């Protein structure tokens, strides 16, 4: 029974203490104004961040355009350089072979026609490469232009290989004929 009285007494004290605690609800108009200012500053910050994102997006696009233009110019320079080297190498090889007097005029004419076919294809490829870079060519995107220039570069490399094979055949035949002249054919 003592314990029940003790519990009852402690409960009354607890209720009495709770009733004496002040209410903690505060309504301060200044704090609402402060929060409103923070919300306004947050909105301004978000707006400024959005403007920076837009600016960075524009800069990225311009950088990609410049990068693509540089790639296109580099590819065109490679194509023109390969074409120039091919033409120079072709002239030198043709002159070297024709100066040997080991080939008949008809054989030299066949060699000349073969080299002309390859050089004409190279010139057409170089012209197409120049046209690809002109604005509005087939309304291509930069990526499509770069891909087409890469294909044209591969075409010129193939033409150069064709020319190398052609002149290798003629040089080999020239060496064989020279050996025949030096050591006598069929002896």
Protein backbone atom coordinates (compact mmCIF):
# COMPACT_ATOMS: atom_id res chain seq x y z
CA UNK A 1 0.00 0.00 0.00
CA UNK A 2 2.89 2.29 0.66
CA UNK A 3 4.05 1.84 -2.88
CA UNK A 4 0.65 2.84 -4.26
CA UNK A 5 0.66 5.99 -2.19
CA UNK A 6 4.19 6.72 -3.31
CA UNK A 7 3.21 6.30 -6.98
CA UNK A 8 0.15 8.46 -6.48
CA UNK A 9 2.19 11.15 -4.78
CA UNK A 10 4.87 11.11 -7.51
CA UNK A 11 2.18 11.31 -10.20
CA UNK A 12 0.65 14.39 -8.60
CA UNK A 13 4.05 16.06 -8.39
CA UNK A 14 4.72 15.27 -12.05
CA UNK A 15 1.36 16.70 -13.12
CA UNK A 16 1.98 19.81 -11.04
CA UNK A 17 5.45 20.34 -12.57
CA UNK A 18 4.18 19.85 -16.11
CA UNK A 19 1.48 22.40 -15.60
CA UNK A 20 4.03 24.99 -14.50
CA UNK A 21 6.23 24.66 -17.68
CA UNK A 22 5.79 27.62 -20.05
CA UNK A 23 4.53 27.12 -23.61
CA UNK A 24 7.36 27.09 -26.18
CA UNK A 25 5.43 28.34 -29.23
CA UNK A 26 7.00 31.57 -30.51
CA UNK A 27 5.53 33.72 -33.22
CA UNK A 28 8.12 36.27 -34.33
CA UNK A 29 7.33 38.42 -37.39
CA UNK A 30 11.03 39.27 -37.80
CA UNK A 31 11.91 35.59 -38.25
CA UNK A 32 9.31 35.31 -41.04
CA UNK A 33 10.90 38.28 -42.81
CA UNK A 34 14.33 36.66 -42.44
CA UNK A 35 13.06 33.40 -43.94
CA UNK A 36 11.43 35.31 -46.81
CA UNK A 37 14.76 37.03 -47.53
CA UNK A 38 16.55 33.68 -47.53
CA UNK A 39 13.99 32.25 -49.96
CA UNK A 40 14.43 35.28 -52.26
CA UNK A 41 18.23 34.94 -52.13
CA UNK A 42 17.90 31.22 -52.88
CA UNK A 43 15.76 32.01 -55.93
CA UNK A 44 18.36 34.53 -57.14
CA UNK A 45 21.12 31.96 -56.64
CA UNK A 46 19.18 29.34 -58.62
CA UNK A 47 18.62 31.89 -61.40
CA UNK A 48 22.34 32.76 -61.47
CA UNK A 49 23.29 29.07 -61.56
CA UNK A 50 20.87 28.50 -64.47
CA UNK A 51 22.47 31.40 -66.37
CA UNK A 52 25.93 29.94 -65.75
CA UNK A 53 24.77 26.53 -66.96
CA UNK A 54 23.37 28.13 -70.14
CA UNK A 55 26.63 30.01 -70.66
CA UNK A 56 28.71 26.86 -70.15
CA UNK A 57 26.47 24.94 -72.55
CA UNK A 58 26.99 27.64 -75.21
CA UNK A 59 30.75 27.60 -74.61
CA UNK A 60 30.79 23.80 -74.90
CA UNK A 61 28.90 23.91 -78.21
CA UNK A 62 31.25 26.56 -79.60
CA UNK A 63 34.26 24.56 -78.45
CA UNK A 64 32.90 21.45 -80.17
CA UNK A 65 32.39 23.46 -83.39
CA UNK A 66 35.95 24.76 -83.24
CA UNK A 67 37.22 21.27 -82.49
CA UNK A 68 35.28 19.86 -85.45
CA UNK A 69 36.56 22.64 -87.71
CA UNK A 70 40.13 21.86 -86.64
CA UNK A 71 39.56 18.15 -87.30
CA UNK A 72 38.13 18.93 -90.73
CA UNK A 73 41.01 21.24 -91.61
CA UNK A 74 43.55 18.64 -90.44
CA UNK A 75 41.88 15.91 -92.50
CA UNK A 76 41.76 18.16 -95.57
CA UNK A 77 45.43 19.07 -95.10
CA UNK A 78 46.28 15.35 -94.88
CA UNK A 79 44.26 14.60 -98.01
CA UNK A 80 45.90 17.41 -99.97
CA UNK A 81 49.35 16.43 -98.69
CA UNK A 82 48.81 12.79 -99.62
CA UNK A 83 47.60 13.85 -103.06
CA UNK A 84 50.60 16.12 -103.59
CA UNK A 85 53.02 13.38 -102.50
CA UNK A 86 51.26 10.89 -104.75
CA UNK A 87 51.51 13.21 -107.75
CA UNK A 88 55.19 14.01 -107.08
CA UNK A 89 56.07 10.36 -106.53
CA UNK A 90 54.16 9.35 -109.67
CA UNK A 91 55.99 11.89 -111.84
CA UNK A 92 59.37 10.83 -110.45
CA UNK A 93 58.66 7.11 -110.96
CA UNK A 94 57.25 7.64 -114.44
CA UNK A 95 60.31 9.70 -115.48
CA UNK A 96 62.64 7.09 -113.98
CA UNK A 97 60.96 4.25 -115.88
CA UNK A 98 60.63 6.14 -119.16
CA UNK A 99 64.32 7.18 -119.04
CA UNK A 100 65.48 3.55 -118.95
CA UNK A 101 64.66 2.89 -122.63
CA UNK A 102 63.69 -0.63 -121.59
CA UNK A 103 60.00 -0.22 -122.44
CA UNK A 104 58.36 0.25 -125.79
CA UNK A 105 56.25 3.34 -126.51
CA UNK A 106 53.07 1.26 -126.21
CA UNK A 107 54.13 -0.02 -122.79
CA UNK A 108 54.93 3.51 -121.65
CA UNK A 109 51.57 4.69 -123.01
CA UNK A 110 49.80 1.94 -120.99
CA UNK A 111 51.75 3.03 -117.89
CA UNK A 112 50.89 6.67 -118.57
CA UNK A 113 47.19 5.83 -118.97
CA UNK A 114 47.18 3.81 -115.74
CA UNK A 115 48.84 6.62 -113.82
CA UNK A 116 46.43 9.15 -115.33
CA UNK A 117 43.45 7.08 -114.20
CA UNK A 118 44.81 6.94 -110.66
CA UNK A 119 45.76 10.63 -110.62
CA UNK A 120 42.33 11.61 -111.99
CA UNK A 121 40.66 9.63 -109.23
CA UNK A 122 42.94 11.35 -106.69
CA UNK A 123 42.06 14.80 -108.07
CA UNK A 124 38.32 14.00 -107.95
CA UNK A 125 38.72 12.82 -104.37
CA UNK A 126 40.59 16.01 -103.42
CA UNK A 127 37.88 18.14 -105.08
CA UNK A 128 35.17 16.27 -103.19
CA UNK A 129 37.11 16.85 -99.97
CA UNK A 130 37.17 20.59 -100.68
CA UNK A 131 33.45 20.55 -101.51
CA UNK A 132 32.63 18.66 -98.32
CA UNK A 133 33.96 21.54 -96.26
CA UNK A 134 31.92 24.18 -98.07
CA UNK A 135 28.85 25.24 -96.10
CA UNK A 136 25.63 23.51 -97.00
CA UNK A 137 27.24 20.60 -98.88
CA UNK A 138 24.37 18.11 -98.70
CA UNK A 139 23.38 19.84 -95.44
CA UNK A 140 25.78 17.59 -93.57
CA UNK A 141 26.51 17.82 -89.89
CA UNK A 142 30.10 18.26 -88.74
CA UNK A 143 30.29 14.61 -87.70
CA UNK A 144 29.10 13.50 -91.15
CA UNK A 145 31.66 15.76 -92.84
CA UNK A 146 34.47 14.39 -90.69
CA UNK A 147 33.39 10.83 -91.47
CA UNK A 148 33.26 11.58 -95.20
CA UNK A 149 36.70 13.23 -95.08
CA UNK A 150 38.07 10.15 -93.29
CA UNK A 151 36.64 7.98 -96.05
CA UNK A 152 38.19 10.22 -98.71
CA UNK A 153 41.52 10.07 -96.86
CA UNK A 154 41.29 6.27 -96.93
CA UNK A 155 40.46 6.42 -100.67
CA UNK A 156 43.58 8.48 -101.38
CA UNK A 157 45.67 6.07 -99.29
CA UNK A 158 44.27 3.21 -101.40
CA UNK A 159 45.08 5.10 -104.61
CA UNK A 160 48.60 5.68 -103.35
CA UNK A 161 48.96 1.96 -102.65
CA UNK A 162 47.64 1.20 -106.13
CA UNK A 163 50.23 3.52 -107.62
CA UNK A 164 52.98 1.90 -105.54
CA UNK A 165 51.97 -1.55 -106.78
CA UNK A 166 51.86 -0.34 -110.39
CA UNK A 167 55.33 1.18 -110.23
CA UNK A 168 56.70 -1.77 -108.28
CA UNK A 169 55.57 -4.03 -111.15
CA UNK A 170 57.22 -1.77 -113.73
CA UNK A 171 60.42 -1.40 -111.69
CA UNK A 172 60.61 -5.16 -111.23
CA UNK A 173 60.10 -5.65 -114.96
CA UNK A 174 62.70 -2.97 -115.61
CA UNK A 175 65.22 -4.75 -113.38
CA UNK A 176 64.47 -8.08 -115.09
CA UNK A 177 64.98 -6.53 -118.53
CA UNK A 178 68.17 -4.81 -117.38
CA UNK A 179 69.51 -8.14 -116.14
CA UNK A 180 68.59 -9.72 -119.47
CA UNK A 181 70.51 -6.97 -121.28
CA UNK A 182 73.53 -7.31 -118.98
CA UNK A 183 73.73 -11.08 -118.92
CA UNK A 184 72.13 -11.86 -122.25
CA UNK A 185 68.68 -13.32 -122.60
CA UNK A 186 68.46 -17.05 -123.14
CA UNK A 187 72.20 -17.76 -123.15
